[in-house]
Amino acid sequence: AAAAAAAMIRAVLVVNVAGVPRLTRFYEALAVGEQQQLLRTVHRLVVDRRDSYCAFVDDEALGKDTKLVYKSFATLYFVFLIDSSESELAILDLIQAYVHSLNWCFENVCELDLVFNYAQAGLLLDEYIMAGLVVETNNARIQQMYTDIQKTLKNPQQDALATRASSAHKEGLGSPSRYLSK
């Protein structure tokens, strides 16, 4: 007998009220045209919904066996497209945890933080979800992993080389770029 398929997140979309995507992650292979059509459909489904409506949408325009779970924060909609075996309430909690981590990372996150720090926002999301499966939900662990990754990305050897080149330039020994190539 075949094993039951794991509950899966099909896509994570963060769009503004105008429908402009600010962060997208597709966990199923879709052509660019299909992704754009899905973004338009998602925007159409969530933008006109009243606050009193349920945050879960089951619409055949999303595709077979696909549900939409979303939460609105200021000018952004955090939208998860999931299969029918995934828990809607668990996804709402996941959205809340992700936004909490974004607030921690950017000190009261706003839309511009996602525009100018797209890679960091995506990195945080990738700590929660891998290949459409939730791999971690503990905010403290995710924040520690994010901090560790940021430390790893910062190369102290490169910083020392740039400092040496800058001080040589100040002493009139030529262009800093001349020393960076050595």
C-alpha atoms as a PDB file:
ATOM      1  CA  ALA A   1       0.000   0.000   0.000  1.00  0.00           C
ATOM      2  CA  ALA A   2       1.238   3.467  -0.854  1.00  0.00           C
ATOM      3  CA  ALA A   3       2.059   5.781   2.017  1.00  0.00           C
ATOM      4  CA  ALA A   4      -0.167   8.819   2.459  1.00  0.00           C
ATOM      5  CA  ALA A   5       1.268  12.013   0.992  1.00  0.00           C
ATOM      6  CA  ALA A   6       2.514  14.585   3.481  1.00  0.00           C
ATOM      7  CA  ALA A   7       0.545  17.776   3.945  1.00  0.00           C
ATOM      8  CA  MET A   8       2.084  20.383   1.722  1.00  0.00           C
ATOM      9  CA  ILE A   9       2.352  24.089   1.246  1.00  0.00           C
ATOM     10  CA  ARG A  10       2.158  24.798  -2.466  1.00  0.00           C
ATOM     11  CA  ALA A  11       3.166  28.477  -2.383  1.00  0.00           C
ATOM     12  CA  VAL A  12       3.784  31.432  -0.092  1.00  0.00           C
ATOM     13  CA  LEU A  13       2.918  34.827  -1.493  1.00  0.00           C
ATOM     14  CA  VAL A  14       3.250  38.214   0.143  1.00  0.00           C
ATOM     15  CA  VAL A  15       1.448  40.825  -1.932  1.00  0.00           C
ATOM     16  CA  ASN A  16       0.476  44.418  -1.261  1.00  0.00           C
ATOM     17  CA  VAL A  17      -3.024  45.841  -1.648  1.00  0.00           C
ATOM     18  CA  ALA A  18      -2.267  46.780  -5.271  1.00  0.00           C
ATOM     19  CA  GLY A  19      -1.363  43.164  -6.074  1.00  0.00           C
ATOM     20  CA  VAL A  20       2.390  43.736  -6.367  1.00  0.00           C
ATOM     21  CA  PRO A  21       4.260  40.666  -5.088  1.00  0.00           C
ATOM     22  CA  ARG A  22       6.811  41.454  -2.398  1.00  0.00           C
ATOM     23  CA  LEU A  23       7.903  37.879  -1.660  1.00  0.00           C
ATOM     24  CA  THR A  24       7.053  34.688  -3.528  1.00  0.00           C
ATOM     25  CA  ARG A  25       7.966  31.068  -2.968  1.00  0.00           C
ATOM     26  CA  PHE A  26       6.492  28.349  -5.179  1.00  0.00           C
ATOM     27  CA  TYR A  27       7.046  24.802  -3.940  1.00  0.00           C
ATOM     28  CA  GLU A  28       5.563  23.190  -7.045  1.00  0.00           C
ATOM     29  CA  ALA A  29       6.923  23.640 -10.541  1.00  0.00           C
ATOM     30  CA  LEU A  30       4.829  26.232 -12.391  1.00  0.00           C
ATOM     31  CA  ALA A  31       5.610  28.126 -15.560  1.00  0.00           C
ATOM     32  CA  VAL A  32       6.106  31.869 -15.115  1.00  0.00           C
ATOM     33  CA  GLY A  33       2.789  32.559 -16.840  1.00  0.00           C
ATOM     34  CA  GLU A  34       1.000  30.208 -14.436  1.00  0.00           C
ATOM     35  CA  GLN A  35       2.674  31.895 -11.473  1.00  0.00           C
ATOM     36  CA  GLN A  36       1.544  35.313 -12.687  1.00  0.00           C
ATOM     37  CA  GLN A  37      -2.011  34.069 -13.243  1.00  0.00           C
ATOM     38  CA  LEU A  38      -2.028  32.539  -9.765  1.00  0.00           C
ATOM     39  CA  LEU A  39      -0.835  35.847  -8.267  1.00  0.00           C
ATOM     40  CA  ARG A  40      -3.651  37.711 -10.043  1.00  0.00           C
ATOM     41  CA  THR A  41      -6.201  35.152  -8.853  1.00  0.00           C
ATOM     42  CA  VAL A  42      -4.952  35.288  -5.265  1.00  0.00           C
ATOM     43  CA  HIS A  43      -5.046  39.077  -5.245  1.00  0.00           C
ATOM     44  CA  ARG A  44      -8.571  39.101  -6.659  1.00  0.00           C
ATOM     45  CA  LEU A  45      -9.723  36.637  -3.988  1.00  0.00           C
ATOM     46  CA  VAL A  46      -8.267  38.427  -0.956  1.00  0.00           C
ATOM     47  CA  VAL A  47      -8.284  42.143  -1.717  1.00  0.00           C
ATOM     48  CA  ASP A  48     -12.055  42.634  -1.648  1.00  0.00           C
ATOM     49  CA  ARG A  49     -12.778  40.353   1.305  1.00  0.00           C
ATOM     50  CA  ARG A  50     -14.132  42.029   4.402  1.00  0.00           C
ATOM     51  CA  ASP A  51     -12.259  41.763   7.681  1.00  0.00           C
ATOM     52  CA  SER A  52     -15.210  39.864   9.146  1.00  0.00           C
ATOM     53  CA  TYR A  53     -14.830  37.057   6.563  1.00  0.00           C
ATOM     54  CA  CYS A  54     -12.996  33.844   7.251  1.00  0.00           C
ATOM     55  CA  ALA A  55      -9.267  33.817   6.420  1.00  0.00           C
ATOM     56  CA  PHE A  56      -9.658  30.551   4.496  1.00  0.00           C
ATOM     57  CA  VAL A  57     -10.688  30.492   0.841  1.00  0.00           C
ATOM     58  CA  ASP A  58     -11.625  27.402  -1.110  1.00  0.00           C
ATOM     59  CA  ASP A  59     -12.106  28.410  -4.734  1.00  0.00           C
ATOM     60  CA  GLU A  60     -11.808  26.238  -7.831  1.00  0.00           C
ATOM     61  CA  ALA A  61      -9.839  29.031  -9.544  1.00  0.00           C
ATOM     62  CA  LEU A  62      -6.903  28.058  -7.287  1.00  0.00           C
ATOM     63  CA  GLY A  63      -6.738  24.582  -8.755  1.00  0.00           C
ATOM     64  CA  LYS A  64      -7.671  21.105  -7.680  1.00  0.00           C
ATOM     65  CA  ASP A  65      -7.141  20.282  -3.999  1.00  0.00           C
ATOM     66  CA  THR A  66      -5.810  23.786  -3.190  1.00  0.00           C
ATOM     67  CA  LYS A  67      -6.947  26.110  -0.431  1.00  0.00           C
ATOM     68  CA  LEU A  68      -5.852  29.623   0.407  1.00  0.00           C
ATOM     69  CA  VAL A  69      -5.070  30.802   3.938  1.00  0.00           C
ATOM     70  CA  TYR A  70      -4.193  34.447   4.460  1.00  0.00           C
ATOM     71  CA  LYS A  71      -3.724  37.161   6.998  1.00  0.00           C
ATOM     72  CA  SER A  72      -3.586  40.872   6.352  1.00  0.00           C
ATOM     73  CA  PHE A  73      -1.067  43.134   8.098  1.00  0.00           C
ATOM     74  CA  ALA A  74      -1.276  46.841   7.197  1.00  0.00           C
ATOM     75  CA  THR A  75      -0.746  47.001   3.413  1.00  0.00           C
ATOM     76  CA  LEU A  76       0.404  43.387   2.991  1.00  0.00           C
ATOM     77  CA  TYR A  77      -1.377  40.091   2.541  1.00  0.00           C
ATOM     78  CA  PHE A  78       0.525  37.006   3.683  1.00  0.00           C
ATOM     79  CA  VAL A  79      -0.986  34.194   1.626  1.00  0.00           C
ATOM     80  CA  PHE A  80      -0.294  30.473   1.833  1.00  0.00           C
ATOM     81  CA  LEU A  81      -1.644  28.103  -0.796  1.00  0.00           C
ATOM     82  CA  ILE A  82      -1.981  24.647   0.738  1.00  0.00           C
ATOM     83  CA  ASP A  83      -3.355  21.257  -0.149  1.00  0.00           C
ATOM     84  CA  SER A  84      -6.500  19.981   1.551  1.00  0.00           C
ATOM     85  CA  SER A  85      -4.604  17.805   4.042  1.00  0.00           C
ATOM     86  CA  GLU A  86      -2.818  20.801   5.616  1.00  0.00           C
ATOM     87  CA  SER A  87      -4.375  22.387   8.725  1.00  0.00           C
ATOM     88  CA  GLU A  88      -5.693  25.898   8.108  1.00  0.00           C
ATOM     89  CA  LEU A  89      -5.307  26.880  11.775  1.00  0.00           C
ATOM     90  CA  ALA A  90      -1.721  25.638  11.849  1.00  0.00           C
ATOM     91  CA  ILE A  91      -1.000  27.764   8.764  1.00  0.00           C
ATOM     92  CA  LEU A  92      -2.519  30.845  10.437  1.00  0.00           C
ATOM     93  CA  ASP A  93      -0.184  30.216  13.386  1.00  0.00           C
ATOM     94  CA  LEU A  94       2.725  29.829  10.958  1.00  0.00           C
ATOM     95  CA  ILE A  95       1.877  33.161   9.303  1.00  0.00           C
ATOM     96  CA  GLN A  96       1.791  34.813  12.730  1.00  0.00           C
ATOM     97  CA  ALA A  97       5.140  33.261  13.687  1.00  0.00           C
ATOM     98  CA  TYR A  98       6.734  34.370  10.407  1.00  0.00           C
ATOM     99  CA  VAL A  99       5.487  37.950  10.807  1.00  0.00           C
ATOM    100  CA  HIS A 100       6.734  37.911  14.402  1.00  0.00           C
ATOM    101  CA  SER A 101      10.212  36.923  13.154  1.00  0.00           C
ATOM    102  CA  LEU A 102      10.079  39.630  10.480  1.00  0.00           C
ATOM    103  CA  ASN A 103       9.263  42.161  13.202  1.00  0.00           C
ATOM    104  CA  TRP A 104      12.217  40.890  15.225  1.00  0.00           C
ATOM    105  CA  CYS A 105      14.539  41.086  12.232  1.00  0.00           C
ATOM    106  CA  PHE A 106      13.453  44.506  10.926  1.00  0.00           C
ATOM    107  CA  GLU A 107      12.170  46.116  14.146  1.00  0.00           C
ATOM    108  CA  ASN A 108       8.509  46.610  13.234  1.00  0.00           C
ATOM    109  CA  VAL A 109       8.469  45.335   9.657  1.00  0.00           C
ATOM    110  CA  CYS A 110       6.839  47.332   6.886  1.00  0.00           C
ATOM    111  CA  GLU A 111       6.424  46.810   3.157  1.00  0.00           C
ATOM    112  CA  LEU A 112       9.637  48.687   2.351  1.00  0.00           C
ATOM    113  CA  ASP A 113      11.604  46.272   4.549  1.00  0.00           C
ATOM    114  CA  LEU A 114      10.510  43.450   2.250  1.00  0.00           C
ATOM    115  CA  VAL A 115      11.325  45.487  -0.847  1.00  0.00           C
ATOM    116  CA  PHE A 116      14.852  46.417   0.250  1.00  0.00           C
ATOM    117  CA  ASN A 117      15.632  43.272   2.250  1.00  0.00           C
ATOM    118  CA  TYR A 118      14.068  40.625   0.043  1.00  0.00           C
ATOM    119  CA  ALA A 119      16.882  38.121   0.603  1.00  0.00           C
ATOM    120  CA  GLN A 120      16.675  38.357   4.404  1.00  0.00           C
ATOM    121  CA  ALA A 121      12.880  37.978   4.380  1.00  0.00           C
ATOM    122  CA  GLY A 122      13.223  34.938   2.128  1.00  0.00           C
ATOM    123  CA  LEU A 123      15.950  33.491   4.329  1.00  0.00           C
ATOM    124  CA  LEU A 124      13.684  33.730   7.363  1.00  0.00           C
ATOM    125  CA  LEU A 125      10.860  32.045   5.444  1.00  0.00           C
ATOM    126  CA  ASP A 126      13.229  29.288   4.340  1.00  0.00           C
ATOM    127  CA  GLU A 127      13.980  28.550   7.995  1.00  0.00           C
ATOM    128  CA  TYR A 128      10.275  27.755   8.493  1.00  0.00           C
ATOM    129  CA  ILE A 129       9.508  25.945   5.232  1.00  0.00           C
ATOM    130  CA  MET A 130      11.599  23.706   3.026  1.00  0.00           C
ATOM    131  CA  ALA A 131      10.272  22.079  -0.158  1.00  0.00           C
ATOM    132  CA  GLY A 132       6.704  22.887   0.871  1.00  0.00           C
ATOM    133  CA  LEU A 133       6.976  21.257   4.286  1.00  0.00           C
ATOM    134  CA  VAL A 134       7.107  23.014   7.629  1.00  0.00           C
ATOM    135  CA  VAL A 135      10.478  22.175   9.175  1.00  0.00           C
ATOM    136  CA  GLU A 136      10.549  24.532  12.173  1.00  0.00           C
ATOM    137  CA  THR A 137       8.078  26.683  14.098  1.00  0.00           C
ATOM    138  CA  ASN A 138      10.056  27.709  17.176  1.00  0.00           C
ATOM    139  CA  ASN A 139      10.771  31.428  16.774  1.00  0.00           C
ATOM    140  CA  ALA A 140      13.710  31.410  19.191  1.00  0.00           C
ATOM    141  CA  ARG A 141      15.460  28.658  17.199  1.00  0.00           C
ATOM    142  CA  ILE A 142      14.725  30.362  13.894  1.00  0.00           C
ATOM    143  CA  GLN A 143      16.046  33.684  15.154  1.00  0.00           C
ATOM    144  CA  GLN A 144      19.192  31.975  16.432  1.00  0.00           C
ATOM    145  CA  MET A 145      19.694  30.207  13.065  1.00  0.00           C
ATOM    146  CA  TYR A 146      19.180  33.511  11.260  1.00  0.00           C
ATOM    147  CA  THR A 147      21.733  35.229  13.506  1.00  0.00           C
ATOM    148  CA  ASP A 148      24.229  32.396  12.944  1.00  0.00           C
ATOM    149  CA  ILE A 149      23.767  32.604   9.164  1.00  0.00           C
ATOM    150  CA  GLN A 150      24.267  36.378   9.203  1.00  0.00           C
ATOM    151  CA  LYS A 151      27.517  35.922  11.156  1.00  0.00           C
ATOM    152  CA  THR A 152      28.677  33.293   8.666  1.00  0.00           C
ATOM    153  CA  LEU A 153      27.896  35.532   5.711  1.00  0.00           C
ATOM    154  CA  LYS A 154      29.973  38.339   7.128  1.00  0.00           C
ATOM    155  CA  ASN A 155      33.546  37.643   6.089  1.00  0.00           C
ATOM    156  CA  PRO A 156      36.003  39.118   8.625  1.00  0.00           C
ATOM    157  CA  GLN A 157      38.983  38.524   6.313  1.00  0.00           C
ATOM    158  CA  GLN A 158      37.388  40.683   3.593  1.00  0.00           C
ATOM    159  CA  ASP A 159      36.609  43.404   6.172  1.00  0.00           C
ATOM    160  CA  ALA A 160      40.255  43.480   7.309  1.00  0.00           C
ATOM    161  CA  LEU A 161      41.477  43.734   3.719  1.00  0.00           C
ATOM    162  CA  ALA A 162      39.104  46.629   2.992  1.00  0.00           C
ATOM    163  CA  THR A 163      40.212  48.435   6.176  1.00  0.00           C
ATOM    164  CA  ARG A 164      43.882  48.052   5.236  1.00  0.00           C
ATOM    165  CA  ALA A 165      43.204  49.369   1.726  1.00  0.00           C
ATOM    166  CA  SER A 166      41.238  52.319   3.076  1.00  0.00           C
ATOM    167  CA  SER A 167      43.986  53.326   5.514  1.00  0.00           C
ATOM    168  CA  ALA A 168      46.595  53.053   2.741  1.00  0.00           C
ATOM    169  CA  HIS A 169      44.464  55.364   0.599  1.00  0.00           C
ATOM    170  CA  LYS A 170      44.234  57.910   3.430  1.00  0.00           C
ATOM    171  CA  GLU A 171      48.026  57.903   3.673  1.00  0.00           C
ATOM    172  CA  GLY A 172      48.227  58.797  -0.030  1.00  0.00           C
ATOM    173  CA  LEU A 173      49.383  55.405  -1.216  1.00  0.00           C
ATOM    174  CA  GLY A 174      46.927  55.124  -4.102  1.00  0.00           C
ATOM    175  CA  SER A 175      43.483  53.819  -4.757  1.00  0.00           C
ATOM    176  CA  PRO A 176      41.917  51.379  -2.254  1.00  0.00           C
ATOM    177  CA  SER A 177      40.927  49.047  -5.105  1.00  0.00           C
ATOM    178  CA  ARG A 178      44.619  48.572  -5.908  1.00  0.00           C
ATOM    179  CA  TYR A 179      45.101  46.887  -2.533  1.00  0.00           C
ATOM    180  CA  LEU A 180      41.931  44.787  -2.678  1.00  0.00           C
ATOM    181  CA  SER A 181      43.238  42.843  -5.659  1.00  0.00           C
ATOM    182  CA  LYS A 182      46.404  41.661  -3.874  1.00  0.00           C
END
